[in-house]
Amino acid sequence: MKHSDEDHVDRILAQWRRERPDLDISAMGPLGRLARLRAHVAREQETVFAEHDLTSASFDVLATLRRSGPPFQLSPGELLAATMVTSGTMTNRIDQLERAGLVERLDNPEDRRGVIIALTPKGLKRIDAAAAAHVANQQRLIAGLEPEEREALNALLRKFLAAFE
């Protein structure tokens, strides 16, 4: 991987060291870089999702249904548990996907008052195409790292994330 001498975070750290040498800013570098990377990656992913008339939010719901396996149906509660949104937000997402013909609400055979959210054939086709493009985009985004660097980064991020989850 090619390394530039300095990134945006390095410049911020230098300013803090100059202005507040009393502060321990050792955590600022990794966290600042994670935040900036998240913004860059999100922008790149949204571009791919938009090519499939999706957003990251709609992709998330469709992908969760797709990963569940045939018959690609989950209760709203199961969808909520698999994502990190409120029930009102999930209802809005499902409403939008239903209007687009990508999901449908079916009666829940286990709960007469409840519904099951199911991918439609159109939704299955859309998410399969979008997922293939998303995976290819992810490979492109991480191509600057050697395989062993990817493994090391993944291991460190797993350890860091585990502290929160």
C-alpha atoms as a PDB file:
ATOM      1  CA  MET A   1       0.000   0.000   0.000  1.00  0.00           C
ATOM      2  CA  LYS A   2       1.269   3.459  -0.843  1.00  0.00           C
ATOM      3  CA  HIS A   3       1.531   5.749   2.161  1.00  0.00           C
ATOM      4  CA  SER A   4       1.282   9.503   1.923  1.00  0.00           C
ATOM      5  CA  ASP A   5       3.348  11.464   4.398  1.00  0.00           C
ATOM      6  CA  GLU A   6       0.367  13.029   6.144  1.00  0.00           C
ATOM      7  CA  ASP A   7      -3.427  12.820   6.222  1.00  0.00           C
ATOM      8  CA  HIS A   8      -6.079  15.274   7.394  1.00  0.00           C
ATOM      9  CA  VAL A   9      -6.093  13.785  10.901  1.00  0.00           C
ATOM     10  CA  ASP A  10      -2.326  14.270  11.228  1.00  0.00           C
ATOM     11  CA  ARG A  11      -2.806  18.000  10.611  1.00  0.00           C
ATOM     12  CA  ILE A  12      -5.540  18.191  13.269  1.00  0.00           C
ATOM     13  CA  LEU A  13      -3.359  16.295  15.761  1.00  0.00           C
ATOM     14  CA  ALA A  14      -0.437  18.648  15.120  1.00  0.00           C
ATOM     15  CA  GLN A  15      -2.680  21.638  15.847  1.00  0.00           C
ATOM     16  CA  TRP A  16      -3.877  20.113  19.115  1.00  0.00           C
ATOM     17  CA  ARG A  17      -0.309  19.265  20.149  1.00  0.00           C
ATOM     18  CA  ARG A  18       0.690  22.854  19.467  1.00  0.00           C
ATOM     19  CA  GLU A  19      -2.308  24.465  21.193  1.00  0.00           C
ATOM     20  CA  ARG A  20      -2.923  22.016  24.042  1.00  0.00           C
ATOM     21  CA  PRO A  21       0.209  19.966  24.732  1.00  0.00           C
ATOM     22  CA  ASP A  22      -1.320  19.058  28.109  1.00  0.00           C
ATOM     23  CA  LEU A  23      -4.034  16.889  26.491  1.00  0.00           C
ATOM     24  CA  ASP A  24      -3.471  13.185  25.793  1.00  0.00           C
ATOM     25  CA  ILE A  25      -4.750  13.044  22.220  1.00  0.00           C
ATOM     26  CA  SER A  26      -3.559   9.475  21.530  1.00  0.00           C
ATOM     27  CA  ALA A  27      -7.155   8.238  20.984  1.00  0.00           C
ATOM     28  CA  MET A  28      -7.982  11.098  18.621  1.00  0.00           C
ATOM     29  CA  GLY A  29      -5.982   9.652  15.704  1.00  0.00           C
ATOM     30  CA  PRO A  30      -7.664   6.240  15.416  1.00  0.00           C
ATOM     31  CA  LEU A  31     -11.139   7.574  16.244  1.00  0.00           C
ATOM     32  CA  GLY A  32     -10.814  10.531  13.887  1.00  0.00           C
ATOM     33  CA  ARG A  33      -9.662   8.238  11.096  1.00  0.00           C
ATOM     34  CA  LEU A  34     -12.530   5.820  11.733  1.00  0.00           C
ATOM     35  CA  ALA A  35     -15.019   8.693  11.558  1.00  0.00           C
ATOM     36  CA  ARG A  36     -13.548  10.041   8.325  1.00  0.00           C
ATOM     37  CA  LEU A  37     -13.373   6.555   6.793  1.00  0.00           C
ATOM     38  CA  ARG A  38     -16.993   5.928   7.741  1.00  0.00           C
ATOM     39  CA  ALA A  39     -18.054   9.091   5.910  1.00  0.00           C
ATOM     40  CA  HIS A  40     -16.016   8.220   2.793  1.00  0.00           C
ATOM     41  CA  VAL A  41     -17.251   4.607   2.722  1.00  0.00           C
ATOM     42  CA  ALA A  42     -20.883   5.639   3.302  1.00  0.00           C
ATOM     43  CA  ARG A  43     -20.703   8.095   0.386  1.00  0.00           C
ATOM     44  CA  GLU A  44     -19.248   5.415  -1.918  1.00  0.00           C
ATOM     45  CA  GLN A  45     -21.865   2.869  -0.820  1.00  0.00           C
ATOM     46  CA  GLU A  46     -24.769   5.289  -1.282  1.00  0.00           C
ATOM     47  CA  THR A  47     -23.619   5.833  -4.872  1.00  0.00           C
ATOM     48  CA  VAL A  48     -23.871   2.104  -5.603  1.00  0.00           C
ATOM     49  CA  PHE A  49     -27.225   1.773  -3.813  1.00  0.00           C
ATOM     50  CA  ALA A  50     -28.599   4.728  -5.813  1.00  0.00           C
ATOM     51  CA  GLU A  51     -27.689   2.919  -9.042  1.00  0.00           C
ATOM     52  CA  HIS A  52     -30.242   0.303  -7.912  1.00  0.00           C
ATOM     53  CA  ASP A  53     -32.832   2.879  -6.781  1.00  0.00           C
ATOM     54  CA  LEU A  54     -32.061   2.112  -3.136  1.00  0.00           C
ATOM     55  CA  THR A  55     -30.656   3.949  -0.131  1.00  0.00           C
ATOM     56  CA  SER A  56     -28.489   2.443   2.585  1.00  0.00           C
ATOM     57  CA  ALA A  57     -31.666   2.208   4.696  1.00  0.00           C
ATOM     58  CA  SER A  58     -33.709   0.348   2.081  1.00  0.00           C
ATOM     59  CA  PHE A  59     -30.719  -1.850   1.196  1.00  0.00           C
ATOM     60  CA  ASP A  60     -30.409  -2.755   4.888  1.00  0.00           C
ATOM     61  CA  VAL A  61     -34.025  -3.977   5.110  1.00  0.00           C
ATOM     62  CA  LEU A  62     -33.926  -5.870   1.804  1.00  0.00           C
ATOM     63  CA  ALA A  63     -30.538  -7.425   2.599  1.00  0.00           C
ATOM     64  CA  THR A  64     -31.770  -8.539   6.041  1.00  0.00           C
ATOM     65  CA  LEU A  65     -34.739 -10.270   4.406  1.00  0.00           C
ATOM     66  CA  ARG A  66     -32.477 -11.804   1.728  1.00  0.00           C
ATOM     67  CA  ARG A  67     -29.970 -13.136   4.281  1.00  0.00           C
ATOM     68  CA  SER A  68     -32.785 -14.812   6.218  1.00  0.00           C
ATOM     69  CA  GLY A  69     -33.080 -17.379   3.402  1.00  0.00           C
ATOM     70  CA  PRO A  70     -36.205 -18.725   1.738  1.00  0.00           C
ATOM     71  CA  PRO A  71     -39.017 -17.754   1.980  1.00  0.00           C
ATOM     72  CA  PHE A  72     -37.314 -14.358   2.688  1.00  0.00           C
ATOM     73  CA  GLN A  73     -39.837 -13.348   5.347  1.00  0.00           C
ATOM     74  CA  LEU A  74     -39.386 -11.838   8.816  1.00  0.00           C
ATOM     75  CA  SER A  75     -41.637 -10.252  11.392  1.00  0.00           C
ATOM     76  CA  PRO A  76     -41.215  -6.517  11.925  1.00  0.00           C
ATOM     77  CA  GLY A  77     -39.680  -7.361  15.322  1.00  0.00           C
ATOM     78  CA  GLU A  78     -37.098  -9.629  13.713  1.00  0.00           C
ATOM     79  CA  LEU A  79     -36.235  -6.879  11.227  1.00  0.00           C
ATOM     80  CA  LEU A  80     -35.880  -4.416  14.102  1.00  0.00           C
ATOM     81  CA  ALA A  81     -33.577  -6.768  15.998  1.00  0.00           C
ATOM     82  CA  ALA A  82     -31.321  -7.127  12.946  1.00  0.00           C
ATOM     83  CA  THR A  83     -30.996  -3.373  12.417  1.00  0.00           C
ATOM     84  CA  MET A  84     -30.334  -0.400  14.671  1.00  0.00           C
ATOM     85  CA  VAL A  85     -33.423   1.739  14.132  1.00  0.00           C
ATOM     86  CA  THR A  86     -36.617   2.591  16.013  1.00  0.00           C
ATOM     87  CA  SER A  87     -39.901   0.863  15.267  1.00  0.00           C
ATOM     88  CA  GLY A  88     -41.293   4.062  13.716  1.00  0.00           C
ATOM     89  CA  THR A  89     -38.305   4.315  11.407  1.00  0.00           C
ATOM     90  CA  MET A  90     -38.692   0.652  10.425  1.00  0.00           C
ATOM     91  CA  THR A  91     -42.411   1.154   9.697  1.00  0.00           C
ATOM     92  CA  ASN A  92     -41.558   4.063   7.376  1.00  0.00           C
ATOM     93  CA  ARG A  93     -38.897   2.001   5.589  1.00  0.00           C
ATOM     94  CA  ILE A  94     -41.310  -0.906   5.119  1.00  0.00           C
ATOM     95  CA  ASP A  95     -44.025   1.470   3.852  1.00  0.00           C
ATOM     96  CA  GLN A  96     -41.641   2.907   1.242  1.00  0.00           C
ATOM     97  CA  LEU A  97     -40.441  -0.536   0.133  1.00  0.00           C
ATOM     98  CA  GLU A  98     -44.028  -1.768  -0.089  1.00  0.00           C
ATOM     99  CA  ARG A  99     -45.019   1.233  -2.257  1.00  0.00           C
ATOM    100  CA  ALA A 100     -42.059   0.398  -4.531  1.00  0.00           C
ATOM    101  CA  GLY A 101     -43.285  -3.206  -4.829  1.00  0.00           C
ATOM    102  CA  LEU A 102     -40.141  -4.639  -3.215  1.00  0.00           C
ATOM    103  CA  VAL A 103     -41.758  -6.076  -0.084  1.00  0.00           C
ATOM    104  CA  GLU A 104     -45.275  -7.057   0.920  1.00  0.00           C
ATOM    105  CA  ARG A 105     -47.051  -7.413   4.236  1.00  0.00           C
ATOM    106  CA  LEU A 106     -48.555 -10.855   4.747  1.00  0.00           C
ATOM    107  CA  ASP A 107     -50.747 -12.095   7.579  1.00  0.00           C
ATOM    108  CA  ASN A 108     -48.663 -13.755  10.272  1.00  0.00           C
ATOM    109  CA  PRO A 109     -49.901 -17.347  10.583  1.00  0.00           C
ATOM    110  CA  GLU A 110     -48.580 -17.462  14.167  1.00  0.00           C
ATOM    111  CA  ASP A 111     -50.214 -14.195  15.248  1.00  0.00           C
ATOM    112  CA  ARG A 112     -53.541 -13.175  13.704  1.00  0.00           C
ATOM    113  CA  ARG A 113     -52.986  -9.526  14.684  1.00  0.00           C
ATOM    114  CA  GLY A 114     -49.454  -9.422  13.284  1.00  0.00           C
ATOM    115  CA  VAL A 115     -47.839  -9.297   9.871  1.00  0.00           C
ATOM    116  CA  ILE A 116     -44.825 -10.798   8.181  1.00  0.00           C
ATOM    117  CA  ILE A 117     -42.664  -8.725   5.839  1.00  0.00           C
ATOM    118  CA  ALA A 118     -41.728 -10.639   2.700  1.00  0.00           C
ATOM    119  CA  LEU A 119     -39.564  -9.890  -0.311  1.00  0.00           C
ATOM    120  CA  THR A 120     -41.541  -9.809  -3.540  1.00  0.00           C
ATOM    121  CA  PRO A 121     -40.004 -11.388  -6.658  1.00  0.00           C
ATOM    122  CA  LYS A 122     -39.131  -7.826  -7.772  1.00  0.00           C
ATOM    123  CA  GLY A 123     -37.524  -7.176  -4.371  1.00  0.00           C
ATOM    124  CA  LEU A 124     -35.505 -10.399  -4.551  1.00  0.00           C
ATOM    125  CA  LYS A 125     -34.215  -9.504  -8.010  1.00  0.00           C
ATOM    126  CA  ARG A 126     -33.362  -5.947  -6.886  1.00  0.00           C
ATOM    127  CA  ILE A 127     -31.508  -6.981  -3.728  1.00  0.00           C
ATOM    128  CA  ASP A 128     -29.569  -9.729  -5.505  1.00  0.00           C
ATOM    129  CA  ALA A 129     -28.320  -7.231  -8.104  1.00  0.00           C
ATOM    130  CA  ALA A 130     -27.615  -4.545  -5.495  1.00  0.00           C
ATOM    131  CA  ALA A 131     -25.812  -6.992  -3.184  1.00  0.00           C
ATOM    132  CA  ALA A 132     -23.529  -8.159  -6.005  1.00  0.00           C
ATOM    133  CA  ALA A 133     -22.687  -4.534  -6.856  1.00  0.00           C
ATOM    134  CA  HIS A 134     -22.212  -3.705  -3.153  1.00  0.00           C
ATOM    135  CA  VAL A 135     -19.773  -6.589  -2.618  1.00  0.00           C
ATOM    136  CA  ALA A 136     -17.792  -5.610  -5.722  1.00  0.00           C
ATOM    137  CA  ASN A 137     -17.689  -2.012  -4.455  1.00  0.00           C
ATOM    138  CA  GLN A 138     -16.484  -3.155  -1.026  1.00  0.00           C
ATOM    139  CA  GLN A 139     -13.662  -5.098  -2.701  1.00  0.00           C
ATOM    140  CA  ARG A 140     -12.734  -1.975  -4.673  1.00  0.00           C
ATOM    141  CA  LEU A 141     -12.773   0.189  -1.541  1.00  0.00           C
ATOM    142  CA  ILE A 142     -10.401  -2.089   0.363  1.00  0.00           C
ATOM    143  CA  ALA A 143      -8.140  -2.925  -2.596  1.00  0.00           C
ATOM    144  CA  GLY A 144      -5.409  -0.600  -1.316  1.00  0.00           C
ATOM    145  CA  LEU A 145      -4.705  -2.965   1.579  1.00  0.00           C
ATOM    146  CA  GLU A 146      -2.704  -6.162   1.208  1.00  0.00           C
ATOM    147  CA  PRO A 147      -4.518  -9.360   2.308  1.00  0.00           C
ATOM    148  CA  GLU A 148      -2.520  -9.578   5.543  1.00  0.00           C
ATOM    149  CA  GLU A 149      -3.230  -5.895   6.263  1.00  0.00           C
ATOM    150  CA  ARG A 150      -6.961  -6.542   5.764  1.00  0.00           C
ATOM    151  CA  GLU A 151      -6.813  -9.455   8.214  1.00  0.00           C
ATOM    152  CA  ALA A 152      -4.914  -7.396  10.801  1.00  0.00           C
ATOM    153  CA  LEU A 153      -7.298  -4.438  10.455  1.00  0.00           C
ATOM    154  CA  ASN A 154     -10.317  -6.742  10.692  1.00  0.00           C
ATOM    155  CA  ALA A 155      -8.953  -8.394  13.851  1.00  0.00           C
ATOM    156  CA  LEU A 156      -8.302  -5.025  15.513  1.00  0.00           C
ATOM    157  CA  LEU A 157     -11.716  -3.654  14.553  1.00  0.00           C
ATOM    158  CA  ARG A 158     -13.424  -6.848  15.818  1.00  0.00           C
ATOM    159  CA  LYS A 159     -11.677  -6.440  19.186  1.00  0.00           C
ATOM    160  CA  PHE A 160     -12.599  -2.747  19.360  1.00  0.00           C
ATOM    161  CA  LEU A 161     -16.234  -3.365  18.382  1.00  0.00           C
ATOM    162  CA  ALA A 162     -16.579  -6.221  20.884  1.00  0.00           C
ATOM    163  CA  ALA A 163     -15.954  -3.727  23.680  1.00  0.00           C
ATOM    164  CA  PHE A 164     -19.205  -1.963  22.704  1.00  0.00           C
ATOM    165  CA  GLU A 165     -21.324  -4.969  21.811  1.00  0.00           C
END
